[in-house]
Amino acid sequence: MEKKRSTILEEMIQLAPLCSGRLYERYIPCGKRNCRCRDRENPRPHGPYYEWVRRLDGKQVGRMLRPGPALEKVKAGIENYNRFQDLLGSLLRRDEASVLSAARAVEGEGKKNSRKT
């Protein structure tokens, strides 16, 4: 069991970069009156742009990203963050199960039934 725990921790250490939040694909109209994005019959907004939304110091913040290296780093960071969360959940379940089983073993010593009749 200790080997599995160290494997999980090692995998967590290898994850980089880490980025919380989500990416949203956006198509946005501009401010020009006669632009194709404002056509009444067939509007064609500009994009795709990608909005990275996350929480910083308790506030929701967003940043627009264009396709390119920065966007790819954020995508990788979000995937790594989600993997990190999965690994952390797995580690917590293992540790909590071992704590509870150890606590039950100590509580149960000398008692056959914990109920009073």
N, C-alpha and C. Protein backbone atom coordinates (compact mmCIF):
# COMPACT_ATOMS: atom_id res chain seq x y z
N MET A 1 0.83 -1.19 0.00
CA MET A 1 0.00 0.00 0.00
C MET A 1 0.88 1.25 0.00
N GLU A 2 1.98 1.21 0.69
CA GLU A 2 2.89 2.35 0.74
C GLU A 2 3.51 2.61 -0.63
N LYS A 3 3.73 1.55 -1.39
CA LYS A 3 4.29 1.70 -2.74
C LYS A 3 3.31 2.44 -3.64
N LYS A 4 2.04 2.09 -3.56
CA LYS A 4 1.01 2.76 -4.37
C LYS A 4 0.93 4.23 -3.99
N ARG A 5 1.03 4.53 -2.71
CA ARG A 5 0.98 5.91 -2.23
C ARG A 5 2.16 6.71 -2.79
N SER A 6 3.34 6.15 -2.75
CA SER A 6 4.51 6.86 -3.27
C SER A 6 4.42 7.03 -4.78
N THR A 7 3.80 6.08 -5.48
CA THR A 7 3.60 6.20 -6.92
C THR A 7 2.67 7.36 -7.24
N ILE A 8 1.60 7.49 -6.46
CA ILE A 8 0.66 8.59 -6.65
C ILE A 8 1.35 9.93 -6.39
N LEU A 9 2.09 10.00 -5.30
CA LEU A 9 2.79 11.25 -4.97
C LEU A 9 3.82 11.61 -6.05
N GLU A 10 4.52 10.63 -6.55
CA GLU A 10 5.51 10.88 -7.61
C GLU A 10 4.84 11.43 -8.87
N GLU A 11 3.69 10.86 -9.23
CA GLU A 11 2.98 11.34 -10.40
C GLU A 11 2.49 12.78 -10.19
N MET A 12 2.06 13.09 -8.98
CA MET A 12 1.60 14.45 -8.67
C MET A 12 2.74 15.46 -8.83
N ILE A 13 3.94 15.08 -8.41
CA ILE A 13 5.10 15.95 -8.50
C ILE A 13 5.45 16.25 -9.95
N GLN A 14 5.23 15.29 -10.84
CA GLN A 14 5.61 15.44 -12.24
C GLN A 14 4.67 16.35 -13.04
N LEU A 15 3.49 16.63 -12.51
CA LEU A 15 2.51 17.42 -13.26
C LEU A 15 2.89 18.90 -13.25
N ALA A 16 3.17 19.43 -14.42
CA ALA A 16 3.48 20.86 -14.55
C ALA A 16 3.26 21.25 -16.02
N PRO A 17 2.73 22.39 -16.28
CA PRO A 17 2.22 23.41 -15.37
C PRO A 17 0.85 23.02 -14.85
N LEU A 18 0.41 23.68 -13.79
CA LEU A 18 -0.93 23.51 -13.24
C LEU A 18 -1.70 24.81 -13.44
N CYS A 19 -2.89 24.70 -14.00
CA CYS A 19 -3.77 25.87 -14.18
C CYS A 19 -5.17 25.47 -13.77
N SER A 20 -5.75 26.22 -12.86
CA SER A 20 -7.14 25.94 -12.47
C SER A 20 -8.07 26.65 -13.44
N GLY A 21 -9.34 26.36 -13.34
CA GLY A 21 -10.32 27.05 -14.15
C GLY A 21 -10.77 26.25 -15.36
N ARG A 22 -11.41 26.98 -16.28
CA ARG A 22 -11.96 26.37 -17.49
C ARG A 22 -11.68 27.27 -18.68
N LEU A 23 -11.72 26.67 -19.85
CA LEU A 23 -11.60 27.41 -21.10
C LEU A 23 -12.94 27.41 -21.83
N TYR A 24 -13.34 28.56 -22.33
CA TYR A 24 -14.56 28.69 -23.10
C TYR A 24 -14.22 29.25 -24.47
N GLU A 25 -14.80 28.66 -25.50
CA GLU A 25 -14.60 29.17 -26.85
C GLU A 25 -15.64 30.25 -27.10
N ARG A 26 -15.20 31.42 -27.57
CA ARG A 26 -16.08 32.56 -27.78
C ARG A 26 -15.95 33.08 -29.21
N TYR A 27 -17.08 33.52 -29.75
CA TYR A 27 -17.13 34.25 -31.01
C TYR A 27 -17.76 35.59 -30.67
N ILE A 28 -17.06 36.67 -30.98
CA ILE A 28 -17.43 37.98 -30.45
C ILE A 28 -17.62 38.99 -31.59
N PRO A 29 -18.70 39.80 -31.52
CA PRO A 29 -18.84 40.89 -32.48
C PRO A 29 -17.94 42.07 -32.07
N CYS A 30 -17.48 42.80 -33.07
CA CYS A 30 -16.64 43.96 -32.77
C CYS A 30 -17.51 45.22 -32.70
N GLY A 31 -16.90 46.35 -32.60
CA GLY A 31 -17.62 47.61 -32.46
C GLY A 31 -17.86 48.35 -33.77
N LYS A 32 -17.38 47.82 -34.88
CA LYS A 32 -17.55 48.50 -36.18
C LYS A 32 -18.97 48.29 -36.69
N ARG A 33 -19.58 49.37 -37.17
CA ARG A 33 -20.97 49.30 -37.64
C ARG A 33 -21.17 48.42 -38.86
N ASN A 34 -20.29 48.52 -39.84
CA ASN A 34 -20.49 47.84 -41.11
C ASN A 34 -19.69 46.53 -41.22
N CYS A 35 -19.30 45.97 -40.13
CA CYS A 35 -18.51 44.74 -40.15
C CYS A 35 -19.43 43.54 -40.40
N ARG A 36 -18.85 42.47 -40.94
CA ARG A 36 -19.59 41.23 -41.21
C ARG A 36 -20.21 40.64 -39.95
N CYS A 37 -19.63 40.95 -38.80
CA CYS A 37 -20.14 40.37 -37.55
C CYS A 37 -21.47 41.00 -37.13
N ARG A 38 -21.83 42.13 -37.75
CA ARG A 38 -23.07 42.82 -37.40
C ARG A 38 -24.14 42.68 -38.48
N ASP A 39 -23.90 41.86 -39.47
CA ASP A 39 -24.87 41.64 -40.54
C ASP A 39 -26.16 41.08 -39.93
N ARG A 40 -27.29 41.70 -40.25
CA ARG A 40 -28.56 41.28 -39.64
C ARG A 40 -29.02 39.90 -40.14
N GLU A 41 -28.78 39.58 -41.38
CA GLU A 41 -29.24 38.31 -41.94
C GLU A 41 -28.27 37.16 -41.69
N ASN A 42 -26.99 37.44 -41.77
CA ASN A 42 -25.99 36.38 -41.62
C ASN A 42 -24.80 36.89 -40.80
N PRO A 43 -25.01 37.09 -39.50
CA PRO A 43 -23.89 37.60 -38.69
C PRO A 43 -22.79 36.55 -38.57
N ARG A 44 -21.54 36.98 -38.70
CA ARG A 44 -20.39 36.10 -38.55
C ARG A 44 -19.42 36.74 -37.56
N PRO A 45 -19.62 36.48 -36.27
CA PRO A 45 -18.75 37.08 -35.25
C PRO A 45 -17.30 36.64 -35.42
N HIS A 46 -16.40 37.40 -34.84
CA HIS A 46 -14.97 37.12 -34.92
C HIS A 46 -14.60 36.03 -33.92
N GLY A 47 -13.64 35.23 -34.30
CA GLY A 47 -13.17 34.21 -33.38
C GLY A 47 -12.67 33.00 -34.13
N PRO A 48 -12.37 31.95 -33.47
CA PRO A 48 -12.62 31.77 -32.05
C PRO A 48 -11.57 32.45 -31.18
N TYR A 49 -12.07 32.97 -30.06
CA TYR A 49 -11.22 33.43 -28.97
C TYR A 49 -11.49 32.49 -27.82
N TYR A 50 -10.55 32.38 -26.93
CA TYR A 50 -10.70 31.46 -25.81
C TYR A 50 -10.61 32.26 -24.52
N GLU A 51 -11.64 32.09 -23.69
CA GLU A 51 -11.65 32.77 -22.40
C GLU A 51 -11.29 31.77 -21.32
N TRP A 52 -10.25 32.10 -20.58
CA TRP A 52 -9.80 31.29 -19.46
C TRP A 52 -10.38 31.92 -18.21
N VAL A 53 -11.28 31.19 -17.55
CA VAL A 53 -11.97 31.70 -16.36
C VAL A 53 -11.53 30.89 -15.16
N ARG A 54 -11.16 31.60 -14.08
CA ARG A 54 -10.72 30.93 -12.85
C ARG A 54 -10.95 31.86 -11.67
N ARG A 55 -10.69 31.35 -10.49
CA ARG A 55 -10.83 32.16 -9.27
C ARG A 55 -9.46 32.51 -8.73
N LEU A 56 -9.28 33.78 -8.41
CA LEU A 56 -8.07 34.28 -7.77
C LEU A 56 -8.48 35.12 -6.57
N ASP A 57 -7.98 34.76 -5.40
CA ASP A 57 -8.31 35.48 -4.16
C ASP A 57 -9.82 35.63 -3.97
N GLY A 58 -10.55 34.58 -4.30
CA GLY A 58 -11.99 34.57 -4.09
C GLY A 58 -12.80 35.29 -5.15
N LYS A 59 -12.15 35.84 -6.16
CA LYS A 59 -12.86 36.55 -7.23
C LYS A 59 -12.69 35.81 -8.54
N GLN A 60 -13.76 35.82 -9.33
CA GLN A 60 -13.67 35.20 -10.64
C GLN A 60 -12.99 36.16 -11.60
N VAL A 61 -12.00 35.67 -12.30
CA VAL A 61 -11.28 36.49 -13.28
C VAL A 61 -11.24 35.73 -14.61
N GLY A 62 -11.16 36.49 -15.69
CA GLY A 62 -11.10 35.89 -17.01
C GLY A 62 -10.02 36.55 -17.83
N ARG A 63 -9.51 35.80 -18.76
CA ARG A 63 -8.50 36.33 -19.67
C ARG A 63 -8.75 35.74 -21.05
N MET A 64 -8.76 36.59 -22.05
CA MET A 64 -8.96 36.15 -23.42
C MET A 64 -7.61 35.70 -23.99
N LEU A 65 -7.65 34.57 -24.69
CA LEU A 65 -6.45 34.02 -25.32
C LEU A 65 -6.74 33.74 -26.79
N ARG A 66 -5.77 34.00 -27.61
CA ARG A 66 -5.86 33.63 -29.02
C ARG A 66 -5.16 32.28 -29.20
N PRO A 67 -5.50 31.58 -30.29
CA PRO A 67 -4.78 30.33 -30.55
C PRO A 67 -3.28 30.59 -30.62
N GLY A 68 -2.52 29.70 -30.01
CA GLY A 68 -1.07 29.84 -30.01
C GLY A 68 -0.45 29.15 -28.81
N PRO A 69 0.81 29.43 -28.54
CA PRO A 69 1.53 28.74 -27.46
C PRO A 69 0.94 28.98 -26.07
N ALA A 70 0.48 30.20 -25.80
CA ALA A 70 -0.08 30.48 -24.48
C ALA A 70 -1.35 29.66 -24.24
N LEU A 71 -2.19 29.58 -25.26
CA LEU A 71 -3.41 28.78 -25.16
C LEU A 71 -3.09 27.31 -24.93
N GLU A 72 -2.10 26.79 -25.64
CA GLU A 72 -1.72 25.39 -25.48
C GLU A 72 -1.18 25.11 -24.08
N LYS A 73 -0.43 26.06 -23.52
CA LYS A 73 0.08 25.89 -22.15
C LYS A 73 -1.06 25.87 -21.14
N VAL A 74 -2.05 26.75 -21.34
CA VAL A 74 -3.20 26.78 -20.42
C VAL A 74 -4.00 25.48 -20.54
N LYS A 75 -4.22 25.00 -21.77
CA LYS A 75 -4.94 23.73 -21.95
C LYS A 75 -4.22 22.59 -21.22
N ALA A 76 -2.91 22.51 -21.41
CA ALA A 76 -2.13 21.47 -20.73
C ALA A 76 -2.19 21.65 -19.22
N GLY A 77 -2.12 22.89 -18.75
CA GLY A 77 -2.19 23.16 -17.32
C GLY A 77 -3.51 22.75 -16.71
N ILE A 78 -4.61 22.99 -17.42
CA ILE A 78 -5.93 22.60 -16.93
C ILE A 78 -6.05 21.08 -16.89
N GLU A 79 -5.57 20.41 -17.93
CA GLU A 79 -5.57 18.93 -17.91
C GLU A 79 -4.74 18.39 -16.75
N ASN A 80 -3.58 18.99 -16.53
CA ASN A 80 -2.72 18.56 -15.41
C ASN A 80 -3.40 18.81 -14.07
N TYR A 81 -4.06 19.95 -13.94
CA TYR A 81 -4.75 20.28 -12.69
C TYR A 81 -5.86 19.27 -12.40
N ASN A 82 -6.63 18.91 -13.44
CA ASN A 82 -7.69 17.92 -13.26
C ASN A 82 -7.12 16.56 -12.88
N ARG A 83 -6.01 16.18 -13.49
CA ARG A 83 -5.34 14.92 -13.13
C ARG A 83 -4.84 14.98 -11.69
N PHE A 84 -4.27 16.12 -11.31
CA PHE A 84 -3.79 16.32 -9.94
C PHE A 84 -4.94 16.15 -8.94
N GLN A 85 -6.09 16.72 -9.26
CA GLN A 85 -7.27 16.59 -8.38
C GLN A 85 -7.70 15.13 -8.26
N ASP A 86 -7.68 14.40 -9.37
CA ASP A 86 -8.04 12.97 -9.33
C ASP A 86 -7.07 12.18 -8.45
N LEU A 87 -5.78 12.46 -8.63
CA LEU A 87 -4.76 11.77 -7.82
C LEU A 87 -4.91 12.12 -6.34
N LEU A 88 -5.17 13.38 -6.05
CA LEU A 88 -5.35 13.81 -4.66
C LEU A 88 -6.56 13.11 -4.04
N GLY A 89 -7.65 13.01 -4.79
CA GLY A 89 -8.82 12.30 -4.30
C GLY A 89 -8.53 10.84 -4.00
N SER A 90 -7.77 10.21 -4.88
CA SER A 90 -7.38 8.82 -4.68
C SER A 90 -6.52 8.67 -3.42
N LEU A 91 -5.58 9.58 -3.25
CA LEU A 91 -4.70 9.56 -2.08
C LEU A 91 -5.51 9.78 -0.79
N LEU A 92 -6.44 10.71 -0.83
CA LEU A 92 -7.28 10.97 0.35
C LEU A 92 -8.12 9.76 0.72
N ARG A 93 -8.73 9.12 -0.28
CA ARG A 93 -9.55 7.93 0.01
C ARG A 93 -8.72 6.84 0.65
N ARG A 94 -7.50 6.61 0.15
CA ARG A 94 -6.61 5.59 0.71
C ARG A 94 -6.23 5.93 2.15
N ASP A 95 -5.80 7.17 2.36
CA ASP A 95 -5.35 7.57 3.70
C ASP A 95 -6.50 7.56 4.70
N GLU A 96 -7.66 8.08 4.29
CA GLU A 96 -8.81 8.09 5.20
C GLU A 96 -9.27 6.68 5.53
N ALA A 97 -9.23 5.78 4.56
CA ALA A 97 -9.62 4.39 4.82
C ALA A 97 -8.66 3.75 5.83
N SER A 98 -7.37 4.03 5.69
CA SER A 98 -6.42 3.44 6.63
C SER A 98 -6.56 4.06 8.01
N VAL A 99 -6.88 5.34 8.09
CA VAL A 99 -7.10 5.99 9.39
C VAL A 99 -8.33 5.41 10.06
N LEU A 100 -9.40 5.27 9.30
CA LEU A 100 -10.64 4.72 9.87
C LEU A 100 -10.47 3.27 10.29
N SER A 101 -9.80 2.47 9.49
CA SER A 101 -9.64 1.06 9.87
C SER A 101 -8.75 0.95 11.11
N ALA A 102 -7.74 1.81 11.22
CA ALA A 102 -6.89 1.80 12.42
C ALA A 102 -7.68 2.25 13.64
N ALA A 103 -8.53 3.26 13.49
CA ALA A 103 -9.35 3.76 14.60
C ALA A 103 -10.34 2.69 15.05
N ARG A 104 -10.93 1.98 14.11
CA ARG A 104 -11.87 0.92 14.46
C ARG A 104 -11.16 -0.21 15.20
N ALA A 105 -9.95 -0.53 14.79
CA ALA A 105 -9.20 -1.59 15.46
C ALA A 105 -8.91 -1.22 16.90
N VAL A 106 -8.57 0.03 17.16
CA VAL A 106 -8.28 0.49 18.52
C VAL A 106 -9.56 0.55 19.35
N GLU A 107 -10.63 1.10 18.76
CA GLU A 107 -11.90 1.20 19.48
C GLU A 107 -12.47 -0.16 19.83
N GLY A 108 -12.30 -1.12 18.91
CA GLY A 108 -12.92 -2.42 19.07
C GLY A 108 -12.21 -3.35 20.04
N GLU A 109 -11.00 -3.02 20.46
CA GLU A 109 -10.26 -3.90 21.35
C GLU A 109 -10.96 -4.03 22.70
N GLY A 110 -11.16 -5.25 23.12
CA GLY A 110 -11.76 -5.50 24.42
C GLY A 110 -13.27 -5.42 24.43
N LYS A 111 -13.88 -5.05 23.31
CA LYS A 111 -15.33 -4.95 23.24
C LYS A 111 -15.83 -5.86 22.14
N LYS A 112 -16.87 -6.61 22.45
CA LYS A 112 -17.48 -7.43 21.41
C LYS A 112 -18.58 -6.65 20.71
N ASN A 113 -19.35 -5.90 21.50
CA ASN A 113 -20.47 -5.16 20.93
C ASN A 113 -20.48 -3.78 21.56
N SER A 114 -20.54 -2.76 20.78
CA SER A 114 -20.50 -1.40 21.34
C SER A 114 -21.86 -0.92 21.82
N ARG A 115 -22.92 -1.67 21.51
CA ARG A 115 -24.26 -1.27 21.96
C ARG A 115 -24.50 -1.71 23.39
N LYS A 116 -25.23 -0.88 24.11
CA LYS A 116 -25.64 -1.27 25.46
C LYS A 116 -27.04 -1.86 25.35
N THR A 117 -27.26 -2.95 26.04
CA THR A 117 -28.59 -3.58 26.00
C THR A 117 -29.27 -3.51 27.33
